[in-house]
Amino acid sequence: MSDYPSDLSALTGPQLVRVFLAEIGKPRTTPAEKAAFFDFKARVFGVLAERGGNPDAATAAERARADRDRILSQIATGETLSGGDL
């Protein structure tokens, strides 16, 4: 789905934050790119929440998953309405 790292388990907490911050300012113009970013964000914050038991990181992961799911739903709805790919 994206060029984001798929395995975040080898990264330390500070490395995760640096990887995430490096991605924040990049332009995302398509819904698929936006969904991929929110998926990445959810995975980063999910790892941080698991490792540190941080409820704020868990909340950020949940919000990112909700944003990703909302965008994917819009993509699916758009494809259904247009009869094919967007």
N, C-alpha and C. Protein backbone atom coordinates (compact mmCIF):
# COMPACT_ATOMS: atom_id res chain seq x y z
N MET A 1 0.81 -1.19 0.00
CA MET A 1 0.00 0.00 0.00
C MET A 1 0.85 1.25 0.00
N SER A 2 2.10 1.16 0.50
CA SER A 2 2.90 2.38 0.60
C SER A 2 4.38 2.05 0.67
N ASP A 3 5.17 3.11 0.73
CA ASP A 3 6.62 2.97 0.87
C ASP A 3 7.05 3.05 2.33
N TYR A 4 6.10 3.10 3.24
CA TYR A 4 6.43 3.17 4.66
C TYR A 4 7.00 1.84 5.12
N PRO A 5 7.88 1.88 6.12
CA PRO A 5 8.44 0.62 6.62
C PRO A 5 7.33 -0.31 7.11
N SER A 6 7.43 -1.58 6.76
CA SER A 6 6.39 -2.52 7.18
C SER A 6 6.70 -3.12 8.55
N ASP A 7 7.99 -3.27 8.88
CA ASP A 7 8.37 -3.84 10.16
C ASP A 7 8.96 -2.75 11.05
N LEU A 8 8.19 -2.38 12.05
CA LEU A 8 8.64 -1.33 12.96
C LEU A 8 9.23 -1.89 14.25
N SER A 9 9.24 -3.21 14.38
CA SER A 9 9.63 -3.84 15.63
C SER A 9 11.10 -3.61 15.99
N ALA A 10 11.95 -3.42 15.01
CA ALA A 10 13.38 -3.25 15.28
C ALA A 10 13.75 -1.82 15.67
N LEU A 11 12.81 -0.90 15.50
CA LEU A 11 13.10 0.51 15.79
C LEU A 11 12.86 0.82 17.26
N THR A 12 13.74 1.64 17.83
CA THR A 12 13.55 2.11 19.20
C THR A 12 12.48 3.19 19.21
N GLY A 13 12.05 3.57 20.39
CA GLY A 13 11.05 4.64 20.52
C GLY A 13 11.49 5.92 19.82
N PRO A 14 12.71 6.42 20.10
CA PRO A 14 13.15 7.63 19.41
C PRO A 14 13.25 7.46 17.90
N GLN A 15 13.65 6.28 17.44
CA GLN A 15 13.72 6.03 16.00
C GLN A 15 12.32 6.06 15.38
N LEU A 16 11.35 5.48 16.07
CA LEU A 16 9.97 5.52 15.58
C LEU A 16 9.49 6.95 15.43
N VAL A 17 9.78 7.76 16.43
CA VAL A 17 9.35 9.16 16.38
C VAL A 17 10.04 9.88 15.23
N ARG A 18 11.33 9.65 15.02
CA ARG A 18 12.04 10.29 13.92
C ARG A 18 11.48 9.87 12.56
N VAL A 19 11.20 8.58 12.40
CA VAL A 19 10.64 8.09 11.14
C VAL A 19 9.27 8.74 10.90
N PHE A 20 8.47 8.81 11.95
CA PHE A 20 7.15 9.43 11.82
C PHE A 20 7.26 10.91 11.47
N LEU A 21 8.11 11.63 12.19
CA LEU A 21 8.27 13.07 11.94
C LEU A 21 8.80 13.35 10.54
N ALA A 22 9.63 12.46 10.02
CA ALA A 22 10.14 12.63 8.66
C ALA A 22 9.04 12.52 7.62
N GLU A 23 7.97 11.85 7.95
CA GLU A 23 6.87 11.63 7.00
C GLU A 23 5.77 12.68 7.09
N ILE A 24 5.71 13.41 8.18
CA ILE A 24 4.59 14.34 8.41
C ILE A 24 4.47 15.39 7.31
N GLY A 25 5.56 16.02 6.94
CA GLY A 25 5.50 17.15 6.02
C GLY A 25 5.40 16.78 4.55
N LYS A 26 5.45 15.51 4.23
CA LYS A 26 5.39 15.11 2.82
C LYS A 26 3.98 15.28 2.27
N PRO A 27 3.87 15.79 1.05
CA PRO A 27 2.54 15.99 0.47
C PRO A 27 1.86 14.66 0.13
N ARG A 28 0.58 14.62 0.41
CA ARG A 28 -0.26 13.48 0.06
C ARG A 28 -1.45 14.03 -0.69
N THR A 29 -1.53 13.70 -1.97
CA THR A 29 -2.56 14.32 -2.78
C THR A 29 -3.74 13.40 -3.07
N THR A 30 -3.54 12.10 -3.02
CA THR A 30 -4.63 11.18 -3.32
C THR A 30 -5.19 10.59 -2.04
N PRO A 31 -6.43 10.17 -2.07
CA PRO A 31 -6.99 9.50 -0.90
C PRO A 31 -6.20 8.26 -0.50
N ALA A 32 -5.70 7.51 -1.46
CA ALA A 32 -4.91 6.31 -1.15
C ALA A 32 -3.64 6.67 -0.40
N GLU A 33 -2.99 7.76 -0.80
CA GLU A 33 -1.78 8.21 -0.11
C GLU A 33 -2.11 8.64 1.32
N LYS A 34 -3.23 9.31 1.48
CA LYS A 34 -3.65 9.74 2.82
C LYS A 34 -3.98 8.54 3.69
N ALA A 35 -4.66 7.56 3.14
CA ALA A 35 -5.00 6.35 3.89
C ALA A 35 -3.73 5.60 4.30
N ALA A 36 -2.76 5.53 3.39
CA ALA A 36 -1.50 4.85 3.69
C ALA A 36 -0.77 5.56 4.82
N PHE A 37 -0.80 6.89 4.83
CA PHE A 37 -0.14 7.62 5.91
C PHE A 37 -0.83 7.35 7.25
N PHE A 38 -2.15 7.37 7.26
CA PHE A 38 -2.86 7.11 8.52
C PHE A 38 -2.64 5.68 8.99
N ASP A 39 -2.50 4.75 8.06
CA ASP A 39 -2.17 3.38 8.44
C ASP A 39 -0.79 3.34 9.10
N PHE A 40 0.17 4.01 8.50
CA PHE A 40 1.52 4.10 9.05
C PHE A 40 1.50 4.75 10.44
N LYS A 41 0.76 5.84 10.54
CA LYS A 41 0.66 6.55 11.83
C LYS A 41 0.06 5.62 12.90
N ALA A 42 -0.96 4.89 12.54
CA ALA A 42 -1.59 3.97 13.49
C ALA A 42 -0.61 2.90 13.95
N ARG A 43 0.19 2.39 13.01
CA ARG A 43 1.17 1.37 13.37
C ARG A 43 2.25 1.93 14.28
N VAL A 44 2.75 3.13 13.98
CA VAL A 44 3.79 3.75 14.82
C VAL A 44 3.27 3.96 16.23
N PHE A 45 2.11 4.60 16.35
CA PHE A 45 1.59 4.87 17.69
C PHE A 45 1.14 3.59 18.39
N GLY A 46 0.71 2.60 17.62
CA GLY A 46 0.37 1.31 18.22
C GLY A 46 1.58 0.66 18.86
N VAL A 47 2.71 0.70 18.17
CA VAL A 47 3.95 0.14 18.73
C VAL A 47 4.36 0.91 19.98
N LEU A 48 4.29 2.24 19.91
CA LEU A 48 4.65 3.05 21.08
C LEU A 48 3.73 2.75 22.25
N ALA A 49 2.46 2.55 21.99
CA ALA A 49 1.50 2.25 23.06
C ALA A 49 1.79 0.88 23.67
N GLU A 50 2.08 -0.10 22.83
CA GLU A 50 2.36 -1.45 23.33
C GLU A 50 3.62 -1.48 24.20
N ARG A 51 4.63 -0.79 23.75
CA ARG A 51 5.91 -0.83 24.47
C ARG A 51 5.86 -0.07 25.79
N GLY A 52 5.19 1.06 25.80
CA GLY A 52 5.23 1.90 26.99
C GLY A 52 3.95 1.93 27.78
N GLY A 53 2.91 1.26 27.30
CA GLY A 53 1.63 1.33 27.99
C GLY A 53 1.09 2.74 28.05
N ASN A 54 1.39 3.51 27.02
CA ASN A 54 1.01 4.92 26.99
C ASN A 54 -0.41 5.08 26.45
N PRO A 55 -1.34 5.54 27.29
CA PRO A 55 -2.73 5.67 26.81
C PRO A 55 -2.88 6.76 25.73
N ASP A 56 -2.04 7.78 25.76
CA ASP A 56 -2.11 8.82 24.73
C ASP A 56 -1.69 8.26 23.37
N ALA A 57 -0.68 7.42 23.37
CA ALA A 57 -0.25 6.79 22.11
C ALA A 57 -1.34 5.84 21.61
N ALA A 58 -1.98 5.14 22.52
CA ALA A 58 -3.07 4.23 22.12
C ALA A 58 -4.22 5.02 21.52
N THR A 59 -4.53 6.16 22.10
CA THR A 59 -5.60 7.01 21.57
C THR A 59 -5.23 7.54 20.19
N ALA A 60 -3.98 7.96 20.02
CA ALA A 60 -3.53 8.45 18.71
C ALA A 60 -3.61 7.34 17.67
N ALA A 61 -3.26 6.12 18.05
CA ALA A 61 -3.35 4.98 17.12
C ALA A 61 -4.81 4.73 16.73
N GLU A 62 -5.71 4.78 17.69
CA GLU A 62 -7.13 4.57 17.41
C GLU A 62 -7.67 5.63 16.46
N ARG A 63 -7.30 6.87 16.69
CA ARG A 63 -7.76 7.97 15.82
C ARG A 63 -7.22 7.80 14.40
N ALA A 64 -5.96 7.42 14.30
CA ALA A 64 -5.36 7.22 12.98
C ALA A 64 -6.06 6.07 12.24
N ARG A 65 -6.37 5.00 12.96
CA ARG A 65 -7.09 3.88 12.32
C ARG A 65 -8.48 4.33 11.86
N ALA A 66 -9.15 5.14 12.67
CA ALA A 66 -10.47 5.64 12.29
C ALA A 66 -10.38 6.53 11.06
N ASP A 67 -9.35 7.39 11.00
CA ASP A 67 -9.16 8.24 9.83
C ASP A 67 -8.87 7.39 8.59
N ARG A 68 -8.01 6.39 8.75
CA ARG A 68 -7.70 5.48 7.64
C ARG A 68 -8.95 4.78 7.14
N ASP A 69 -9.73 4.26 8.07
CA ASP A 69 -10.94 3.53 7.70
C ASP A 69 -11.97 4.43 7.02
N ARG A 70 -12.06 5.67 7.49
CA ARG A 70 -12.99 6.63 6.88
C ARG A 70 -12.59 6.91 5.43
N ILE A 71 -11.31 7.12 5.21
CA ILE A 71 -10.82 7.39 3.85
C ILE A 71 -11.00 6.17 2.96
N LEU A 72 -10.68 4.99 3.47
CA LEU A 72 -10.85 3.78 2.67
C LEU A 72 -12.32 3.56 2.32
N SER A 73 -13.21 3.89 3.25
CA SER A 73 -14.64 3.78 2.98
C SER A 73 -15.06 4.75 1.88
N GLN A 74 -14.52 5.96 1.94
CA GLN A 74 -14.83 6.94 0.89
C GLN A 74 -14.30 6.48 -0.46
N ILE A 75 -13.11 5.89 -0.46
CA ILE A 75 -12.56 5.37 -1.71
C ILE A 75 -13.47 4.27 -2.26
N ALA A 76 -13.87 3.35 -1.39
CA ALA A 76 -14.73 2.24 -1.83
C ALA A 76 -16.06 2.76 -2.34
N THR A 77 -16.63 3.73 -1.66
CA THR A 77 -17.90 4.31 -2.08
C THR A 77 -17.75 5.00 -3.43
N GLY A 78 -16.66 5.74 -3.59
CA GLY A 78 -16.41 6.41 -4.85
C GLY A 78 -16.23 5.44 -5.99
N GLU A 79 -15.55 4.32 -5.73
CA GLU A 79 -15.36 3.31 -6.77
C GLU A 79 -16.68 2.65 -7.12
N THR A 80 -17.52 2.44 -6.11
CA THR A 80 -18.81 1.83 -6.36
C THR A 80 -19.69 2.76 -7.17
N LEU A 81 -19.70 4.04 -6.82
CA LEU A 81 -20.54 5.00 -7.52
C LEU A 81 -20.07 5.24 -8.95
N SER A 82 -18.75 5.23 -9.14
CA SER A 82 -18.23 5.49 -10.49
C SER A 82 -18.14 4.24 -11.34
N GLY A 83 -18.33 3.09 -10.71
CA GLY A 83 -18.30 1.85 -11.45
C GLY A 83 -16.90 1.32 -11.72
N GLY A 84 -15.92 1.83 -11.02
CA GLY A 84 -14.55 1.35 -11.24
C GLY A 84 -13.56 2.10 -10.38
N ASP A 85 -12.33 2.12 -10.85
CA ASP A 85 -11.27 2.81 -10.12
C ASP A 85 -11.44 4.32 -10.19
N LEU A 86 -10.97 4.97 -9.13
CA LEU A 86 -11.00 6.44 -9.11
C LEU A 86 -9.89 7.02 -9.93
